[in-house]
Amino acid sequence: MASIIGAWSVVQKSIVGTSESTFTFTEAGGTIRLDITGSRMAITPVEVVQTGDVVVITLDMSKPLPTRVMMTLQLVGDRFTGNTQARFLPSGTLEGTRRQFAPVADVPVA
């Protein structure tokens, strides 16, 4: 089972166009939290549940149109694909790639 925990570069395609953002998933006390940066929409993550390689995310969107959005992601290693569904809008798609951070070089301490 792949873990969603970490930072992801995400491309979302929907009826309003294509957008890029960063999803950062953290875990504390058994609860997965999501922080989204770079999105053009005003969204608040409500719940994130991972079952095996499937992650279901519930979001409240207040802009451009107030509604609840459901995302379902399928993890495959360091990538995911998925879809989004808002109440009355056509579904959209998501693709994510885990961000790789360069290791920090050992710096001598004086």
C-alpha atoms as a PDB file:
ATOM      1  CA  MET A   1       0.000   0.000   0.000  1.00  0.00           C
ATOM      2  CA  ALA A   2       1.330   3.417  -0.988  1.00  0.00           C
ATOM      3  CA  SER A   3       1.042   6.281   1.493  1.00  0.00           C
ATOM      4  CA  ILE A   4      -0.474   9.634   0.548  1.00  0.00           C
ATOM      5  CA  ILE A   5       1.594  11.430   3.228  1.00  0.00           C
ATOM      6  CA  GLY A   6       3.923  14.000   1.660  1.00  0.00           C
ATOM      7  CA  ALA A   7       3.836  16.813  -0.892  1.00  0.00           C
ATOM      8  CA  TRP A   8       2.373  16.342  -4.375  1.00  0.00           C
ATOM      9  CA  SER A   9       2.401  18.431  -7.563  1.00  0.00           C
ATOM     10  CA  VAL A  10      -1.175  18.257  -8.854  1.00  0.00           C
ATOM     11  CA  VAL A  11      -2.773  19.110 -12.204  1.00  0.00           C
ATOM     12  CA  GLN A  12      -6.558  19.367 -12.174  1.00  0.00           C
ATOM     13  CA  LYS A  13      -8.692  19.579 -15.320  1.00  0.00           C
ATOM     14  CA  SER A  14     -12.315  20.656 -15.074  1.00  0.00           C
ATOM     15  CA  ILE A  15     -15.019  22.574 -16.871  1.00  0.00           C
ATOM     16  CA  VAL A  16     -13.358  25.830 -15.734  1.00  0.00           C
ATOM     17  CA  GLY A  17      -9.962  24.875 -17.197  1.00  0.00           C
ATOM     18  CA  THR A  18      -6.659  23.425 -16.041  1.00  0.00           C
ATOM     19  CA  SER A  19      -5.021  24.414 -12.761  1.00  0.00           C
ATOM     20  CA  GLU A  20      -1.850  23.421 -10.936  1.00  0.00           C
ATOM     21  CA  SER A  21      -1.430  23.285  -7.179  1.00  0.00           C
ATOM     22  CA  THR A  22       0.464  21.555  -4.401  1.00  0.00           C
ATOM     23  CA  PHE A  23      -1.288  19.112  -2.075  1.00  0.00           C
ATOM     24  CA  THR A  24       0.546  18.465   1.201  1.00  0.00           C
ATOM     25  CA  PHE A  25      -0.776  15.587   3.295  1.00  0.00           C
ATOM     26  CA  THR A  26       0.276  15.179   6.937  1.00  0.00           C
ATOM     27  CA  GLU A  27      -0.836  12.784   9.646  1.00  0.00           C
ATOM     28  CA  ALA A  28      -1.235  13.372  13.374  1.00  0.00           C
ATOM     29  CA  GLY A  29      -3.000  11.107  15.819  1.00  0.00           C
ATOM     30  CA  GLY A  30      -4.329   8.887  13.030  1.00  0.00           C
ATOM     31  CA  THR A  31      -5.982  11.809  11.217  1.00  0.00           C
ATOM     32  CA  ILE A  32      -4.822  12.779   7.727  1.00  0.00           C
ATOM     33  CA  ARG A  33      -4.841  16.504   7.014  1.00  0.00           C
ATOM     34  CA  LEU A  34      -4.544  18.256   3.666  1.00  0.00           C
ATOM     35  CA  ASP A  35      -3.129  21.684   2.846  1.00  0.00           C
ATOM     36  CA  ILE A  36      -3.628  22.966  -0.711  1.00  0.00           C
ATOM     37  CA  THR A  37      -1.500  25.820  -2.053  1.00  0.00           C
ATOM     38  CA  GLY A  38      -1.545  27.504  -5.438  1.00  0.00           C
ATOM     39  CA  SER A  39      -5.208  26.830  -6.178  1.00  0.00           C
ATOM     40  CA  ARG A  40      -7.329  29.499  -7.880  1.00  0.00           C
ATOM     41  CA  MET A  41     -10.348  28.333  -5.894  1.00  0.00           C
ATOM     42  CA  ALA A  42     -11.222  29.032  -2.265  1.00  0.00           C
ATOM     43  CA  ILE A  43     -11.387  25.540  -0.787  1.00  0.00           C
ATOM     44  CA  THR A  44     -11.354  24.091   2.704  1.00  0.00           C
ATOM     45  CA  PRO A  45     -10.467  20.418   3.203  1.00  0.00           C
ATOM     46  CA  VAL A  46     -13.071  18.714   5.404  1.00  0.00           C
ATOM     47  CA  GLU A  47     -11.995  15.064   5.500  1.00  0.00           C
ATOM     48  CA  VAL A  48      -9.299  12.787   4.052  1.00  0.00           C
ATOM     49  CA  VAL A  49      -9.645   8.998   4.282  1.00  0.00           C
ATOM     50  CA  GLN A  50      -7.130   6.512   2.868  1.00  0.00           C
ATOM     51  CA  THR A  51      -8.211   2.891   2.441  1.00  0.00           C
ATOM     52  CA  GLY A  52      -5.484   0.848   0.800  1.00  0.00           C
ATOM     53  CA  ASP A  53      -4.405   2.681  -2.341  1.00  0.00           C
ATOM     54  CA  VAL A  54      -7.613   4.742  -2.570  1.00  0.00           C
ATOM     55  CA  VAL A  55      -7.885   8.211  -1.002  1.00  0.00           C
ATOM     56  CA  VAL A  56     -11.240   9.984  -0.684  1.00  0.00           C
ATOM     57  CA  ILE A  57     -11.160  13.730   0.001  1.00  0.00           C
ATOM     58  CA  THR A  58     -14.115  15.930   0.921  1.00  0.00           C
ATOM     59  CA  LEU A  59     -13.713  19.681   0.334  1.00  0.00           C
ATOM     60  CA  ASP A  60     -15.918  22.712   0.825  1.00  0.00           C
ATOM     61  CA  MET A  61     -15.509  25.220  -1.989  1.00  0.00           C
ATOM     62  CA  SER A  62     -16.656  28.802  -1.480  1.00  0.00           C
ATOM     63  CA  LYS A  63     -15.284  30.349  -4.678  1.00  0.00           C
ATOM     64  CA  PRO A  64     -15.973  30.513  -7.584  1.00  0.00           C
ATOM     65  CA  LEU A  65     -19.181  28.699  -6.609  1.00  0.00           C
ATOM     66  CA  PRO A  66     -20.162  27.471  -3.122  1.00  0.00           C
ATOM     67  CA  THR A  67     -20.472  23.670  -3.135  1.00  0.00           C
ATOM     68  CA  ARG A  68     -19.057  20.466  -1.656  1.00  0.00           C
ATOM     69  CA  VAL A  69     -16.477  18.652  -3.771  1.00  0.00           C
ATOM     70  CA  MET A  70     -15.545  14.972  -3.554  1.00  0.00           C
ATOM     71  CA  MET A  71     -12.191  13.727  -4.853  1.00  0.00           C
ATOM     72  CA  THR A  72     -11.276  10.079  -5.284  1.00  0.00           C
ATOM     73  CA  LEU A  73      -7.598   9.289  -5.884  1.00  0.00           C
ATOM     74  CA  GLN A  74      -5.958   6.009  -6.906  1.00  0.00           C
ATOM     75  CA  LEU A  75      -2.345   5.793  -5.700  1.00  0.00           C
ATOM     76  CA  VAL A  76       0.289   3.950  -7.712  1.00  0.00           C
ATOM     77  CA  GLY A  77       3.693   4.432  -6.092  1.00  0.00           C
ATOM     78  CA  ASP A  78       4.695   8.094  -6.395  1.00  0.00           C
ATOM     79  CA  ARG A  79       1.778   9.005  -8.678  1.00  0.00           C
ATOM     80  CA  PHE A  80      -1.971   9.243  -8.431  1.00  0.00           C
ATOM     81  CA  THR A  81      -4.881   9.707 -10.786  1.00  0.00           C
ATOM     82  CA  GLY A  82      -8.384  10.587  -9.798  1.00  0.00           C
ATOM     83  CA  ASN A  83     -11.575  12.464 -10.355  1.00  0.00           C
ATOM     84  CA  THR A  84     -13.476  15.304  -8.778  1.00  0.00           C
ATOM     85  CA  GLN A  85     -17.207  15.695  -8.486  1.00  0.00           C
ATOM     86  CA  ALA A  86     -19.099  18.775  -7.380  1.00  0.00           C
ATOM     87  CA  ARG A  87     -22.799  18.487  -6.787  1.00  0.00           C
ATOM     88  CA  PHE A  88     -24.104  19.801 -10.100  1.00  0.00           C
ATOM     89  CA  LEU A  89     -20.995  20.251 -12.275  1.00  0.00           C
ATOM     90  CA  PRO A  90     -19.432  17.763 -14.701  1.00  0.00           C
ATOM     91  CA  SER A  91     -16.665  15.668 -13.161  1.00  0.00           C
ATOM     92  CA  GLY A  92     -13.028  16.660 -13.546  1.00  0.00           C
ATOM     93  CA  THR A  93      -9.736  14.772 -13.442  1.00  0.00           C
ATOM     94  CA  LEU A  94      -6.630  14.958 -11.255  1.00  0.00           C
ATOM     95  CA  GLU A  95      -3.070  13.778 -11.744  1.00  0.00           C
ATOM     96  CA  GLY A  96      -0.453  13.999  -9.029  1.00  0.00           C
ATOM     97  CA  THR A  97       3.263  13.329  -8.740  1.00  0.00           C
ATOM     98  CA  ARG A  98       5.040  13.075  -5.402  1.00  0.00           C
ATOM     99  CA  ARG A  99       7.494  15.934  -4.971  1.00  0.00           C
ATOM    100  CA  GLN A 100      11.071  14.807  -4.455  1.00  0.00           C
ATOM    101  CA  PHE A 101      13.157  16.992  -2.218  1.00  0.00           C
ATOM    102  CA  ALA A 102      16.915  17.197  -2.628  1.00  0.00           C
ATOM    103  CA  PRO A 103      18.809  15.853   0.369  1.00  0.00           C
ATOM    104  CA  VAL A 104      20.340  18.433   2.654  1.00  0.00           C
ATOM    105  CA  ALA A 105      24.130  18.433   2.433  1.00  0.00           C
ATOM    106  CA  ASP A 106      26.129  17.893   5.590  1.00  0.00           C
ATOM    107  CA  VAL A 107      27.438  21.272   6.645  1.00  0.00           C
ATOM    108  CA  PRO A 108      30.304  21.369   9.122  1.00  0.00           C
ATOM    109  CA  VAL A 109      29.456  23.150  12.347  1.00  0.00           C
ATOM    110  CA  ALA A 110      32.115  25.608  13.490  1.00  0.00           C
END
